[in-house]
Protein backbone atom coordinates (compact mmCIF):
# COMPACT_ATOMS: atom_id res chain seq x y z
CA MET A 1 127.45 36.34 -8.77
CA THR A 2 129.19 33.35 -7.25
CA ASN A 3 130.28 30.37 -9.31
CA GLN A 4 127.78 28.20 -7.44
CA GLU A 5 124.88 30.53 -8.28
CA LEU A 6 125.89 30.56 -11.95
CA ILE A 7 126.19 26.76 -11.95
CA LYS A 8 122.67 26.49 -10.49
CA SER A 9 121.41 28.51 -13.45
CA ALA A 10 123.27 26.21 -15.86
CA VAL A 11 121.78 23.15 -14.13
CA GLU A 12 118.29 24.58 -14.64
CA ALA A 13 119.00 25.41 -18.30
CA ARG A 14 120.23 21.86 -18.86
CA LYS A 15 116.71 20.59 -18.13
CA ASN A 16 115.56 22.18 -21.41
CA ALA A 17 118.24 20.54 -23.58
CA TYR A 18 117.03 18.84 -26.74
CA ALA A 19 119.47 15.97 -27.33
CA PRO A 20 117.59 13.02 -28.85
CA TYR A 21 120.66 11.84 -30.84
CA SER A 22 123.67 12.17 -28.55
CA HIS A 23 121.73 11.96 -25.29
CA PHE A 24 124.35 14.40 -23.93
CA TYR A 25 122.50 17.20 -22.17
CA VAL A 26 124.28 20.52 -21.60
CA GLY A 27 123.30 23.70 -19.80
CA ALA A 28 125.17 27.00 -19.71
CA ALA A 29 124.75 30.31 -17.92
CA ILE A 30 126.73 33.42 -18.87
CA GLU A 31 127.13 36.54 -16.75
CA THR A 32 127.42 39.91 -18.47
CA GLU A 33 129.70 42.71 -17.24
CA GLU A 34 126.54 44.41 -15.92
CA GLY A 35 125.61 41.33 -13.87
CA SER A 36 122.74 39.98 -16.00
CA VAL A 37 122.60 36.22 -16.57
CA TYR A 38 121.51 34.47 -19.75
CA THR A 39 121.10 30.72 -20.01
CA GLY A 40 121.19 28.24 -22.83
CA CYS A 41 120.94 24.53 -23.57
CA ASN A 42 122.15 22.41 -26.44
CA ILE A 43 119.67 21.94 -29.28
CA GLU A 44 120.34 19.06 -31.65
CA ASN A 45 119.04 18.54 -35.17
CA ALA A 46 118.63 15.38 -37.24
CA ALA A 47 120.96 16.88 -39.87
CA TYR A 48 123.59 17.44 -37.10
CA GLY A 49 125.14 20.58 -38.69
CA PRO A 50 122.31 22.89 -37.61
CA SER A 51 122.72 21.80 -33.96
CA ASN A 52 123.70 24.48 -31.44
CA CYS A 53 125.69 24.16 -28.22
CA ALA A 54 124.45 25.44 -24.86
CA GLU A 55 127.28 27.97 -24.60
CA ARG A 56 126.47 29.58 -27.95
CA THR A 57 122.75 29.57 -27.17
CA ALA A 58 123.44 31.55 -23.98
CA ILE A 59 125.87 33.94 -25.68
CA PHE A 60 123.58 34.56 -28.66
CA LYS A 61 120.62 35.24 -26.37
CA ALA A 62 122.68 37.82 -24.48
CA VAL A 63 124.05 39.43 -27.64
CA SER A 64 120.55 39.61 -29.13
CA GLU A 65 119.54 41.63 -26.04
CA GLY A 66 122.39 44.11 -26.54
CA HIS A 67 125.17 42.68 -24.34
CA ARG A 68 128.69 42.49 -25.73
CA LYS A 69 130.94 42.03 -22.66
CA PHE A 70 130.97 39.06 -20.33
CA ARG A 71 132.55 38.05 -17.01
CA LYS A 72 132.16 34.27 -16.94
CA ILE A 73 130.19 31.27 -18.08
CA ALA A 74 129.22 28.10 -16.21
CA ILE A 75 128.73 24.83 -18.09
CA ILE A 76 127.43 21.44 -16.98
CA GLY A 77 126.87 18.52 -19.30
CA GLY A 78 126.61 14.77 -19.45
CA HIS A 79 124.48 11.74 -20.18
CA GLU A 80 123.10 11.51 -16.67
CA ALA A 81 119.82 13.08 -15.59
CA GLY A 82 119.67 15.33 -12.55
CA ASP A 83 121.81 18.01 -10.99
CA GLN A 84 125.10 16.09 -11.15
CA VAL A 85 127.17 14.55 -13.97
CA ALA A 86 130.15 12.18 -14.11
CA GLY A 87 132.66 14.40 -15.91
CA PHE A 88 133.57 17.95 -16.87
CA ALA A 89 132.23 19.22 -20.22
CA THR A 90 134.54 21.90 -21.57
CA PRO A 91 133.36 24.04 -24.51
CA CYS A 92 133.96 22.83 -28.05
CA GLY A 93 136.26 24.71 -30.41
CA VAL A 94 133.43 26.57 -32.13
CA CYS A 95 132.13 27.83 -28.77
CA ARG A 96 135.65 28.90 -27.77
CA GLN A 97 135.90 30.87 -31.03
CA VAL A 98 132.56 32.60 -30.34
CA MET A 99 133.75 33.45 -26.81
CA MET A 100 136.89 34.95 -28.36
CA GLU A 101 134.67 37.41 -30.23
CA PHE A 102 133.12 38.89 -27.08
CA CYS A 103 135.35 38.02 -24.12
CA GLU A 104 138.74 39.19 -22.87
CA PRO A 105 140.78 35.94 -23.01
CA SER A 106 142.94 36.61 -19.95
CA HIS A 107 139.99 37.62 -17.74
CA PHE A 108 136.96 35.69 -18.96
CA GLU A 109 136.31 32.69 -16.70
CA ILE A 110 134.96 29.35 -17.88
CA VAL A 111 133.50 27.33 -15.01
CA VAL A 112 132.98 23.66 -15.89
CA ALA A 113 130.97 21.73 -13.34
CA LYS A 114 130.07 18.22 -12.30
CA SER A 115 127.72 19.68 -9.70
CA VAL A 116 127.20 22.91 -7.76
CA GLU A 117 129.86 21.74 -5.31
CA GLU A 118 132.41 20.26 -7.75
CA PHE A 119 133.78 22.47 -10.51
CA GLU A 120 136.95 23.73 -12.19
CA THR A 121 137.67 27.24 -13.45
CA TYR A 122 139.77 28.22 -16.46
CA THR A 123 140.40 31.41 -18.38
CA LEU A 124 139.54 31.50 -22.06
CA GLN A 125 143.24 32.07 -22.71
CA LYS A 126 144.06 28.76 -20.98
CA LEU A 127 141.49 26.80 -23.00
CA PHE A 128 142.05 28.65 -26.29
CA PRO A 129 145.73 29.68 -26.47
CA GLU A 130 146.73 31.82 -29.44
CA GLY A 131 143.05 32.24 -30.33
CA PHE A 132 142.05 34.45 -33.25
CA GLY A 133 139.78 37.36 -32.39
CA PRO A 134 138.85 40.93 -33.26
CA ALA A 135 142.24 42.25 -32.10
CA ASN A 136 143.91 40.25 -34.86
CA LEU A 137 142.03 42.31 -37.45
CA SER A 138 143.01 45.74 -36.12
């Protein structure tokens, strides 16, 4: 799947975001090693702590369906409505830690987008250097 196709899926997922407190709407789409795509949006809660990010929503949906290995994730987020946002929304630290559990840091790609046409790509290793994962417990 191309980055643009994955971003389109993230844009669609963003439309379902529930963000009545921050008004920051995020969509994510993750591609499994087998080529399946799972999407997620952020879901806020009045107590804040129980809120869930779009990236984790997508990952947890995929894991709950039996997937454990991933190629890349596309993320788009911002205050603006529509298919384009003003800035890049990189994953929070908690999401990076969850990615570390299931993704190969040097190969897993994180695509952060402003639109389908404007995006940047990073590896998990670049965004989460010296991350702690399953290999540390072997």
